[in-house]
Amino acid sequence: PAKEAWERSIEMLHMVGIPSPESRVN
């Protein structure tokens, strides 16, 4: 589902060390 994919994209940004992934995804 789209919501799960979005949450996983935040998780991936966190995994690769990008700070504040919740805002960086936008």
mmCIF file of all heavy atoms, coordinates in Angstrom:
data_MODEL
# 
_entry.id   MODEL 
# 
loop_
_atom_site.group_PDB 
_atom_site.id 
_atom_site.type_symbol 
_atom_site.label_atom_id 
_atom_site.label_alt_id 
_atom_site.label_comp_id 
_atom_site.label_asym_id 
_atom_site.label_entity_id 
_atom_site.label_seq_id 
_atom_site.pdbx_PDB_ins_code 
_atom_site.Cartn_x 
_atom_site.Cartn_y 
_atom_site.Cartn_z 
_atom_site.occupancy 
_atom_site.B_iso_or_equiv 
_atom_site.pdbx_formal_charge 
_atom_site.auth_seq_id 
_atom_site.auth_comp_id 
_atom_site.auth_asym_id 
_atom_site.auth_atom_id 
_atom_site.pdbx_PDB_model_num 
ATOM 1   N N   . PRO A 1 1  ? 0.823  -1.213 0.000  1.00 0.00 ? 1  PRO A N   1 
ATOM 2   C CA  . PRO A 1 1  ? 0.000  0.000  0.000  1.00 0.00 ? 1  PRO A CA  1 
ATOM 3   C C   . PRO A 1 1  ? 0.860  1.267  0.000  1.00 0.00 ? 1  PRO A C   1 
ATOM 4   O O   . PRO A 1 1  ? 2.006  1.258  0.464  1.00 0.00 ? 1  PRO A O   1 
ATOM 5   C CB  . PRO A 1 1  ? -0.807 -0.118 1.300  1.00 0.00 ? 1  PRO A CB  1 
ATOM 6   C CG  . PRO A 1 1  ? -0.791 -1.566 1.645  1.00 0.00 ? 1  PRO A CG  1 
ATOM 7   C CD  . PRO A 1 1  ? 0.514  -2.100 1.136  1.00 0.00 ? 1  PRO A CD  1 
ATOM 8   N N   . ALA A 1 2  ? 0.288  2.356  -0.494 1.00 0.00 ? 2  ALA A N   1 
ATOM 9   C CA  . ALA A 1 2  ? 1.023  3.619  -0.624 1.00 0.00 ? 2  ALA A CA  1 
ATOM 10  C C   . ALA A 1 2  ? 1.553  4.106  0.723  1.00 0.00 ? 2  ALA A C   1 
ATOM 11  O O   . ALA A 1 2  ? 2.678  4.596  0.817  1.00 0.00 ? 2  ALA A O   1 
ATOM 12  C CB  . ALA A 1 2  ? 0.124  4.674  -1.253 1.00 0.00 ? 2  ALA A CB  1 
ATOM 13  N N   . LYS A 1 3  ? 0.745  3.962  1.776  1.00 0.00 ? 3  LYS A N   1 
ATOM 14  C CA  . LYS A 1 3  ? 1.166  4.439  3.102  1.00 0.00 ? 3  LYS A CA  1 
ATOM 15  C C   . LYS A 1 3  ? 2.388  3.666  3.590  1.00 0.00 ? 3  LYS A C   1 
ATOM 16  O O   . LYS A 1 3  ? 3.343  4.254  4.110  1.00 0.00 ? 3  LYS A O   1 
ATOM 17  C CB  . LYS A 1 3  ? 0.012  4.290  4.094  1.00 0.00 ? 3  LYS A CB  1 
ATOM 18  C CG  . LYS A 1 3  ? 0.350  4.842  5.479  1.00 0.00 ? 3  LYS A CG  1 
ATOM 19  C CD  . LYS A 1 3  ? -0.810 4.697  6.448  1.00 0.00 ? 3  LYS A CD  1 
ATOM 20  C CE  . LYS A 1 3  ? -0.442 5.239  7.826  1.00 0.00 ? 3  LYS A CE  1 
ATOM 21  N NZ  . LYS A 1 3  ? -1.544 5.041  8.801  1.00 0.00 ? 3  LYS A NZ  1 
ATOM 22  N N   . GLU A 1 4  ? 2.369  2.345  3.402  1.00 0.00 ? 4  GLU A N   1 
ATOM 23  C CA  . GLU A 1 4  ? 3.502  1.526  3.847  1.00 0.00 ? 4  GLU A CA  1 
ATOM 24  C C   . GLU A 1 4  ? 4.758  1.846  3.038  1.00 0.00 ? 4  GLU A C   1 
ATOM 25  O O   . GLU A 1 4  ? 5.859  1.905  3.586  1.00 0.00 ? 4  GLU A O   1 
ATOM 26  C CB  . GLU A 1 4  ? 3.164  0.043  3.703  1.00 0.00 ? 4  GLU A CB  1 
ATOM 27  C CG  . GLU A 1 4  ? 4.271  -0.874 4.211  1.00 0.00 ? 4  GLU A CG  1 
ATOM 28  C CD  . GLU A 1 4  ? 3.949  -2.349 4.060  1.00 0.00 ? 4  GLU A CD  1 
ATOM 29  O OE1 . GLU A 1 4  ? 2.755  -2.690 3.959  1.00 0.00 ? 4  GLU A OE1 1 
ATOM 30  O OE2 . GLU A 1 4  ? 4.900  -3.164 4.032  1.00 0.00 ? 4  GLU A OE2 1 
ATOM 31  N N   . ALA A 1 5  ? 4.575  2.083  1.733  1.00 0.00 ? 5  ALA A N   1 
ATOM 32  C CA  . ALA A 1 5  ? 5.719  2.426  0.881  1.00 0.00 ? 5  ALA A CA  1 
ATOM 33  C C   . ALA A 1 5  ? 6.329  3.755  1.320  1.00 0.00 ? 5  ALA A C   1 
ATOM 34  O O   . ALA A 1 5  ? 7.561  3.916  1.326  1.00 0.00 ? 5  ALA A O   1 
ATOM 35  C CB  . ALA A 1 5  ? 5.279  2.502  -0.579 1.00 0.00 ? 5  ALA A CB  1 
ATOM 36  N N   . TRP A 1 6  ? 5.475  4.711  1.691  1.00 0.00 ? 6  TRP A N   1 
ATOM 37  C CA  . TRP A 1 6  ? 5.968  6.019  2.155  1.00 0.00 ? 6  TRP A CA  1 
ATOM 38  C C   . TRP A 1 6  ? 6.746  5.872  3.464  1.00 0.00 ? 6  TRP A C   1 
ATOM 39  O O   . TRP A 1 6  ? 7.811  6.473  3.638  1.00 0.00 ? 6  TRP A O   1 
ATOM 40  C CB  . TRP A 1 6  ? 4.795  6.981  2.330  1.00 0.00 ? 6  TRP A CB  1 
ATOM 41  C CG  . TRP A 1 6  ? 5.216  8.377  2.682  1.00 0.00 ? 6  TRP A CG  1 
ATOM 42  C CD1 . TRP A 1 6  ? 5.184  8.961  3.909  1.00 0.00 ? 6  TRP A CD1 1 
ATOM 43  C CD2 . TRP A 1 6  ? 5.751  9.353  1.788  1.00 0.00 ? 6  TRP A CD2 1 
ATOM 44  N NE1 . TRP A 1 6  ? 5.651  10.246 3.841  1.00 0.00 ? 6  TRP A NE1 1 
ATOM 45  C CE2 . TRP A 1 6  ? 6.017  10.527 2.556  1.00 0.00 ? 6  TRP A CE2 1 
ATOM 46  C CE3 . TRP A 1 6  ? 6.033  9.370  0.431  1.00 0.00 ? 6  TRP A CE3 1 
ATOM 47  C CZ2 . TRP A 1 6  ? 6.538  11.676 1.997  1.00 0.00 ? 6  TRP A CZ2 1 
ATOM 48  C CZ3 . TRP A 1 6  ? 6.550  10.529 -0.127 1.00 0.00 ? 6  TRP A CZ3 1 
ATOM 49  C CH2 . TRP A 1 6  ? 6.811  11.662 0.643  1.00 0.00 ? 6  TRP A CH2 1 
ATOM 50  N N   . GLU A 1 7  ? 6.227  5.052  4.377  1.00 0.00 ? 7  GLU A N   1 
ATOM 51  C CA  . GLU A 1 7  ? 6.910  4.819  5.650  1.00 0.00 ? 7  GLU A CA  1 
ATOM 52  C C   . GLU A 1 7  ? 8.259  4.130  5.424  1.00 0.00 ? 7  GLU A C   1 
ATOM 53  O O   . GLU A 1 7  ? 9.255  4.432  6.093  1.00 0.00 ? 7  GLU A O   1 
ATOM 54  C CB  . GLU A 1 7  ? 6.027  3.968  6.567  1.00 0.00 ? 7  GLU A CB  1 
ATOM 55  C CG  . GLU A 1 7  ? 4.809  4.716  7.098  1.00 0.00 ? 7  GLU A CG  1 
ATOM 56  C CD  . GLU A 1 7  ? 3.835  3.810  7.832  1.00 0.00 ? 7  GLU A CD  1 
ATOM 57  O OE1 . GLU A 1 7  ? 4.032  2.565  7.801  1.00 0.00 ? 7  GLU A OE1 1 
ATOM 58  O OE2 . GLU A 1 7  ? 2.878  4.337  8.447  1.00 0.00 ? 7  GLU A OE2 1 
ATOM 59  N N   . ARG A 1 8  ? 8.289  3.226  4.461  1.00 0.00 ? 8  ARG A N   1 
ATOM 60  C CA  . ARG A 1 8  ? 9.547  2.545  4.159  1.00 0.00 ? 8  ARG A CA  1 
ATOM 61  C C   . ARG A 1 8  ? 10.553 3.482  3.500  1.00 0.00 ? 8  ARG A C   1 
ATOM 62  O O   . ARG A 1 8  ? 11.768 3.339  3.685  1.00 0.00 ? 8  ARG A O   1 
ATOM 63  C CB  . ARG A 1 8  ? 9.278  1.326  3.266  1.00 0.00 ? 8  ARG A CB  1 
ATOM 64  C CG  . ARG A 1 8  ? 8.768  0.131  4.055  1.00 0.00 ? 8  ARG A CG  1 
ATOM 65  C CD  . ARG A 1 8  ? 8.422  -1.055 3.192  1.00 0.00 ? 8  ARG A CD  1 
ATOM 66  N NE  . ARG A 1 8  ? 9.567  -1.560 2.445  1.00 0.00 ? 8  ARG A NE  1 
ATOM 67  C CZ  . ARG A 1 8  ? 9.506  -2.615 1.634  1.00 0.00 ? 8  ARG A CZ  1 
ATOM 68  N NH1 . ARG A 1 8  ? 8.356  -3.262 1.484  1.00 0.00 ? 8  ARG A NH1 1 
ATOM 69  N NH2 . ARG A 1 8  ? 10.575 -3.017 0.980  1.00 0.00 ? 8  ARG A NH2 1 
ATOM 70  N N   . SER A 1 9  ? 10.076 4.460  2.744  1.00 0.00 ? 9  SER A N   1 
ATOM 71  C CA  . SER A 1 9  ? 10.997 5.432  2.147  1.00 0.00 ? 9  SER A CA  1 
ATOM 72  C C   . SER A 1 9  ? 11.637 6.297  3.237  1.00 0.00 ? 9  SER A C   1 
ATOM 73  O O   . SER A 1 9  ? 12.828 6.621  3.157  1.00 0.00 ? 9  SER A O   1 
ATOM 74  C CB  . SER A 1 9  ? 10.275 6.304  1.112  1.00 0.00 ? 9  SER A CB  1 
ATOM 75  O OG  . SER A 1 9  ? 9.316  7.150  1.725  1.00 0.00 ? 9  SER A OG  1 
ATOM 76  N N   . ILE A 1 10 ? 10.872 6.627  4.273  1.00 0.00 ? 10 ILE A N   1 
ATOM 77  C CA  . ILE A 1 10 ? 11.437 7.353  5.426  1.00 0.00 ? 10 ILE A CA  1 
ATOM 78  C C   . ILE A 1 10 ? 12.467 6.485  6.134  1.00 0.00 ? 10 ILE A C   1 
ATOM 79  O O   . ILE A 1 10 ? 13.556 6.940  6.505  1.00 0.00 ? 10 ILE A O   1 
ATOM 80  C CB  . ILE A 1 10 ? 10.319 7.772  6.405  1.00 0.00 ? 10 ILE A CB  1 
ATOM 81  C CG1 . ILE A 1 10 ? 9.358  8.776  5.739  1.00 0.00 ? 10 ILE A CG1 1 
ATOM 82  C CG2 . ILE A 1 10 ? 10.916 8.364  7.687  1.00 0.00 ? 10 ILE A CG2 1 
ATOM 83  C CD1 . ILE A 1 10 ? 8.140  9.118  6.577  1.00 0.00 ? 10 ILE A CD1 1 
ATOM 84  N N   . GLU A 1 11 ? 12.128 5.200  6.286  1.00 0.00 ? 11 GLU A N   1 
ATOM 85  C CA  . GLU A 1 11 ? 13.047 4.254  6.922  1.00 0.00 ? 11 GLU A CA  1 
ATOM 86  C C   . GLU A 1 11 ? 14.355 4.133  6.141  1.00 0.00 ? 11 GLU A C   1 
ATOM 87  O O   . GLU A 1 11 ? 15.439 4.074  6.735  1.00 0.00 ? 11 GLU A O   1 
ATOM 88  C CB  . GLU A 1 11 ? 12.373 2.885  7.014  1.00 0.00 ? 11 GLU A CB  1 
ATOM 89  C CG  . GLU A 1 11 ? 13.235 1.804  7.656  1.00 0.00 ? 11 GLU A CG  1 
ATOM 90  C CD  . GLU A 1 11 ? 12.609 0.423  7.548  1.00 0.00 ? 11 GLU A CD  1 
ATOM 91  O OE1 . GLU A 1 11 ? 11.392 0.332  7.303  1.00 0.00 ? 11 GLU A OE1 1 
ATOM 92  O OE2 . GLU A 1 11 ? 13.360 -0.559 7.682  1.00 0.00 ? 11 GLU A OE2 1 
ATOM 93  N N   . MET A 1 12 ? 14.253 4.128  4.798  1.00 0.00 ? 12 MET A N   1 
ATOM 94  C CA  . MET A 1 12 ? 15.452 4.009  3.971  1.00 0.00 ? 12 MET A CA  1 
ATOM 95  C C   . MET A 1 12 ? 16.334 5.251  4.102  1.00 0.00 ? 12 MET A C   1 
ATOM 96  O O   . MET A 1 12 ? 17.558 5.143  4.162  1.00 0.00 ? 12 MET A O   1 
ATOM 97  C CB  . MET A 1 12 ? 15.087 3.783  2.506  1.00 0.00 ? 12 MET A CB  1 
ATOM 98  C CG  . MET A 1 12 ? 14.454 2.424  2.203  1.00 0.00 ? 12 MET A CG  1 
ATOM 99  S SD  . MET A 1 12 ? 15.350 1.004  2.895  1.00 0.00 ? 12 MET A SD  1 
ATOM 100 C CE  . MET A 1 12 ? 16.947 1.184  2.110  1.00 0.00 ? 12 MET A CE  1 
ATOM 101 N N   . LEU A 1 13 ? 15.730 6.447  4.146  1.00 0.00 ? 13 LEU A N   1 
ATOM 102 C CA  . LEU A 1 13 ? 16.516 7.667  4.325  1.00 0.00 ? 13 LEU A CA  1 
ATOM 103 C C   . LEU A 1 13 ? 17.218 7.660  5.673  1.00 0.00 ? 13 LEU A C   1 
ATOM 104 O O   . LEU A 1 13 ? 18.362 8.116  5.797  1.00 0.00 ? 13 LEU A O   1 
ATOM 105 C CB  . LEU A 1 13 ? 15.629 8.905  4.187  1.00 0.00 ? 13 LEU A CB  1 
ATOM 106 C CG  . LEU A 1 13 ? 15.066 9.212  2.800  1.00 0.00 ? 13 LEU A CG  1 
ATOM 107 C CD1 . LEU A 1 13 ? 14.364 10.567 2.800  1.00 0.00 ? 13 LEU A CD1 1 
ATOM 108 C CD2 . LEU A 1 13 ? 16.157 9.195  1.736  1.00 0.00 ? 13 LEU A CD2 1 
ATOM 109 N N   . HIS A 1 14 ? 16.531 7.130  6.679  1.00 0.00 ? 14 HIS A N   1 
ATOM 110 C CA  . HIS A 1 14 ? 17.156 7.013  7.999  1.00 0.00 ? 14 HIS A CA  1 
ATOM 111 C C   . HIS A 1 14 ? 18.314 6.016  7.939  1.00 0.00 ? 14 HIS A C   1 
ATOM 112 O O   . HIS A 1 14 ? 19.387 6.254  8.502  1.00 0.00 ? 14 HIS A O   1 
ATOM 113 C CB  . HIS A 1 14 ? 16.119 6.561  9.024  1.00 0.00 ? 14 HIS A CB  1 
ATOM 114 C CG  . HIS A 1 14 ? 16.687 6.314  10.389 1.00 0.00 ? 14 HIS A CG  1 
ATOM 115 N ND1 . HIS A 1 14 ? 17.088 7.324  11.233 1.00 0.00 ? 14 HIS A ND1 1 
ATOM 116 C CD2 . HIS A 1 14 ? 16.951 5.142  11.057 1.00 0.00 ? 14 HIS A CD2 1 
ATOM 117 C CE1 . HIS A 1 14 ? 17.565 6.818  12.346 1.00 0.00 ? 14 HIS A CE1 1 
ATOM 118 N NE2 . HIS A 1 14 ? 17.491 5.492  12.270 1.00 0.00 ? 14 HIS A NE2 1 
ATOM 119 N N   . MET A 1 15 ? 18.124 4.906  7.215  1.00 0.00 ? 15 MET A N   1 
ATOM 120 C CA  . MET A 1 15 ? 19.144 3.856  7.119  1.00 0.00 ? 15 MET A CA  1 
ATOM 121 C C   . MET A 1 15 ? 20.417 4.367  6.450  1.00 0.00 ? 15 MET A C   1 
ATOM 122 O O   . MET A 1 15 ? 21.516 3.994  6.831  1.00 0.00 ? 15 MET A O   1 
ATOM 123 C CB  . MET A 1 15 ? 18.593 2.657  6.336  1.00 0.00 ? 15 MET A CB  1 
ATOM 124 C CG  . MET A 1 15 ? 19.536 1.450  6.327  1.00 0.00 ? 15 MET A CG  1 
ATOM 125 S SD  . MET A 1 15 ? 18.959 0.085  5.272  1.00 0.00 ? 15 MET A SD  1 
ATOM 126 C CE  . MET A 1 15 ? 17.547 -0.483 6.199  1.00 0.00 ? 15 MET A CE  1 
ATOM 127 N N   . VAL A 1 16 ? 20.262 5.245  5.453  1.00 0.00 ? 16 VAL A N   1 
ATOM 128 C CA  . VAL A 1 16 ? 21.443 5.741  4.739  1.00 0.00 ? 16 VAL A CA  1 
ATOM 129 C C   . VAL A 1 16 ? 22.036 6.993  5.391  1.00 0.00 ? 16 VAL A C   1 
ATOM 130 O O   . VAL A 1 16 ? 22.928 7.629  4.831  1.00 0.00 ? 16 VAL A O   1 
ATOM 131 C CB  . VAL A 1 16 ? 21.126 6.029  3.250  1.00 0.00 ? 16 VAL A CB  1 
ATOM 132 C CG1 . VAL A 1 16 ? 20.751 4.753  2.534  1.00 0.00 ? 16 VAL A CG1 1 
ATOM 133 C CG2 . VAL A 1 16 ? 20.057 7.092  3.082  1.00 0.00 ? 16 VAL A CG2 1 
ATOM 134 N N   . GLY A 1 17 ? 21.527 7.342  6.574  1.00 0.00 ? 17 GLY A N   1 
ATOM 135 C CA  . GLY A 1 17 ? 22.160 8.392  7.362  1.00 0.00 ? 17 GLY A CA  1 
ATOM 136 C C   . GLY A 1 17 ? 21.775 9.813  7.019  1.00 0.00 ? 17 GLY A C   1 
ATOM 137 O O   . GLY A 1 17 ? 22.538 10.746 7.308  1.00 0.00 ? 17 GLY A O   1 
ATOM 138 N N   . ILE A 1 18 ? 20.601 10.003 6.423  1.00 0.00 ? 18 ILE A N   1 
ATOM 139 C CA  . ILE A 1 18 ? 20.142 11.369 6.142  1.00 0.00 ? 18 ILE A CA  1 
ATOM 140 C C   . ILE A 1 18 ? 19.403 11.896 7.367  1.00 0.00 ? 18 ILE A C   1 
ATOM 141 O O   . ILE A 1 18 ? 18.438 11.266 7.834  1.00 0.00 ? 18 ILE A O   1 
ATOM 142 C CB  . ILE A 1 18 ? 19.234 11.405 4.898  1.00 0.00 ? 18 ILE A CB  1 
ATOM 143 C CG1 . ILE A 1 18 ? 20.070 11.093 3.650  1.00 0.00 ? 18 ILE A CG1 1 
ATOM 144 C CG2 . ILE A 1 18 ? 18.529 12.749 4.750  1.00 0.00 ? 18 ILE A CG2 1 
ATOM 145 C CD1 . ILE A 1 18 ? 19.306 11.117 2.353  1.00 0.00 ? 18 ILE A CD1 1 
ATOM 146 N N   . PRO A 1 19 ? 19.824 13.037 7.926  1.00 0.00 ? 19 PRO A N   1 
ATOM 147 C CA  . PRO A 1 19 ? 19.178 13.564 9.132  1.00 0.00 ? 19 PRO A CA  1 
ATOM 148 C C   . PRO A 1 19 ? 17.745 14.033 8.849  1.00 0.00 ? 19 PRO A C   1 
ATOM 149 O O   . PRO A 1 19 ? 17.419 14.413 7.723  1.00 0.00 ? 19 PRO A O   1 
ATOM 150 C CB  . PRO A 1 19 ? 20.073 14.738 9.538  1.00 0.00 ? 19 PRO A CB  1 
ATOM 151 C CG  . PRO A 1 19 ? 20.780 15.139 8.276  1.00 0.00 ? 19 PRO A CG  1 
ATOM 152 C CD  . PRO A 1 19 ? 20.941 13.885 7.478  1.00 0.00 ? 19 PRO A CD  1 
ATOM 153 N N   . SER A 1 20 ? 16.904 13.968 9.881  1.00 0.00 ? 20 SER A N   1 
ATOM 154 C CA  . SER A 1 20 ? 15.500 14.386 9.780  1.00 0.00 ? 20 SER A CA  1 
ATOM 155 C C   . SER A 1 20 ? 14.804 13.785 8.563  1.00 0.00 ? 20 SER A C   1 
ATOM 156 O O   . SER A 1 20 ? 14.266 14.507 7.711  1.00 0.00 ? 20 SER A O   1 
ATOM 157 C CB  . SER A 1 20 ? 15.400 15.919 9.731  1.00 0.00 ? 20 SER A CB  1 
ATOM 158 O OG  . SER A 1 20 ? 16.075 16.512 10.797 1.00 0.00 ? 20 SER A OG  1 
ATOM 159 N N   . PRO A 1 21 ? 14.796 12.457 8.420  1.00 0.00 ? 21 PRO A N   1 
ATOM 160 C CA  . PRO A 1 21 ? 14.220 11.836 7.233  1.00 0.00 ? 21 PRO A CA  1 
ATOM 161 C C   . PRO A 1 21 ? 12.731 12.130 7.046  1.00 0.00 ? 21 PRO A C   1 
ATOM 162 O O   . PRO A 1 21 ? 12.244 12.163 5.916  1.00 0.00 ? 21 PRO A O   1 
ATOM 163 C CB  . PRO A 1 21 ? 14.466 10.339 7.453  1.00 0.00 ? 21 PRO A CB  1 
ATOM 164 C CG  . PRO A 1 21 ? 14.649 10.186 8.924  1.00 0.00 ? 21 PRO A CG  1 
ATOM 165 C CD  . PRO A 1 21 ? 15.292 11.451 9.384  1.00 0.00 ? 21 PRO A CD  1 
ATOM 166 N N   . GLU A 1 22 ? 12.011 12.374 8.149  1.00 0.00 ? 22 GLU A N   1 
ATOM 167 C CA  . GLU A 1 22 ? 10.574 12.658 8.044  1.00 0.00 ? 22 GLU A CA  1 
ATOM 168 C C   . GLU A 1 22 ? 10.298 13.921 7.238  1.00 0.00 ? 22 GLU A C   1 
ATOM 169 O O   . GLU A 1 22 ? 9.274  14.034 6.547  1.00 0.00 ? 22 GLU A O   1 
ATOM 170 C CB  . GLU A 1 22 ? 9.943  12.793 9.438  1.00 0.00 ? 22 GLU A CB  1 
ATOM 171 C CG  . GLU A 1 22 ? 9.961  11.523 10.271 1.00 0.00 ? 22 GLU A CG  1 
ATOM 172 C CD  . GLU A 1 22 ? 11.293 11.294 10.976 1.00 0.00 ? 22 GLU A CD  1 
ATOM 173 O OE1 . GLU A 1 22 ? 12.201 12.148 10.841 1.00 0.00 ? 22 GLU A OE1 1 
ATOM 174 O OE2 . GLU A 1 22 ? 11.434 10.256 11.647 1.00 0.00 ? 22 GLU A OE2 1 
ATOM 175 N N   . SER A 1 23 ? 11.206 14.901 7.330  1.00 0.00 ? 23 SER A N   1 
ATOM 176 C CA  . SER A 1 23 ? 11.018 16.126 6.548  1.00 0.00 ? 23 SER A CA  1 
ATOM 177 C C   . SER A 1 23 ? 11.754 16.063 5.210  1.00 0.00 ? 23 SER A C   1 
ATOM 178 O O   . SER A 1 23 ? 11.300 16.634 4.213  1.00 0.00 ? 23 SER A O   1 
ATOM 179 C CB  . SER A 1 23 ? 11.507 17.340 7.344  1.00 0.00 ? 23 SER A CB  1 
ATOM 180 O OG  . SER A 1 23 ? 12.881 17.198 7.691  1.00 0.00 ? 23 SER A OG  1 
ATOM 181 N N   . ARG A 1 24 ? 12.874 15.334 5.175  1.00 0.00 ? 24 ARG A N   1 
ATOM 182 C CA  . ARG A 1 24 ? 13.661 15.250 3.937  1.00 0.00 ? 24 ARG A CA  1 
ATOM 183 C C   . ARG A 1 24 ? 12.927 14.525 2.816  1.00 0.00 ? 24 ARG A C   1 
ATOM 184 O O   . ARG A 1 24 ? 13.203 14.752 1.644  1.00 0.00 ? 24 ARG A O   1 
ATOM 185 C CB  . ARG A 1 24 ? 14.996 14.539 4.206  1.00 0.00 ? 24 ARG A CB  1 
ATOM 186 C CG  . ARG A 1 24 ? 15.963 15.332 5.054  1.00 0.00 ? 24 ARG A CG  1 
ATOM 187 C CD  . ARG A 1 24 ? 16.601 16.445 4.258  1.00 0.00 ? 24 ARG A CD  1 
ATOM 188 N NE  . ARG A 1 24 ? 17.687 17.074 4.992  1.00 0.00 ? 24 ARG A NE  1 
ATOM 189 C CZ  . ARG A 1 24 ? 18.483 18.010 4.506  1.00 0.00 ? 24 ARG A CZ  1 
ATOM 190 N NH1 . ARG A 1 24 ? 18.302 18.442 3.275  1.00 0.00 ? 24 ARG A NH1 1 
ATOM 191 N NH2 . ARG A 1 24 ? 19.428 18.546 5.229  1.00 0.00 ? 24 ARG A NH2 1 
ATOM 192 N N   . VAL A 1 25 ? 12.013 13.616 3.169  1.00 0.00 ? 25 VAL A N   1 
ATOM 193 C CA  . VAL A 1 25 ? 11.278 12.895 2.120  1.00 0.00 ? 25 VAL A CA  1 
ATOM 194 C C   . VAL A 1 25 ? 10.453 13.837 1.258  1.00 0.00 ? 25 VAL A C   1 
ATOM 195 O O   . VAL A 1 25 ? 10.101 13.523 0.127  1.00 0.00 ? 25 VAL A O   1 
ATOM 196 C CB  . VAL A 1 25 ? 10.339 11.808 2.704  1.00 0.00 ? 25 VAL A CB  1 
ATOM 197 C CG1 . VAL A 1 25 ? 11.098 10.629 3.205  1.00 0.00 ? 25 VAL A CG1 1 
ATOM 198 C CG2 . VAL A 1 25 ? 9.438  12.385 3.776  1.00 0.00 ? 25 VAL A CG2 1 
ATOM 199 N N   . ASN A 1 26 ? 10.151 15.034 1.793  1.00 0.00 ? 26 ASN A N   1 
ATOM 200 C CA  . ASN A 1 26 ? 9.340  16.008 1.053  1.00 0.00 ? 26 ASN A CA  1 
ATOM 201 C C   . ASN A 1 26 ? 10.189 16.995 0.251  1.00 0.00 ? 26 ASN A C   1 
ATOM 202 O O   . ASN A 1 26 ? 9.659  17.960 -0.301 1.00 0.00 ? 26 ASN A O   1 
ATOM 203 C CB  . ASN A 1 26 ? 8.433  16.768 2.020  1.00 0.00 ? 26 ASN A CB  1 
ATOM 204 C CG  . ASN A 1 26 ? 7.352  15.877 2.603  1.00 0.00 ? 26 ASN A CG  1 
ATOM 205 O OD1 . ASN A 1 26 ? 6.588  15.270 1.865  1.00 0.00 ? 26 ASN A OD1 1 
ATOM 206 N ND2 . ASN A 1 26 ? 7.290  15.780 3.927  1.00 0.00 ? 26 ASN A ND2 1 
# 
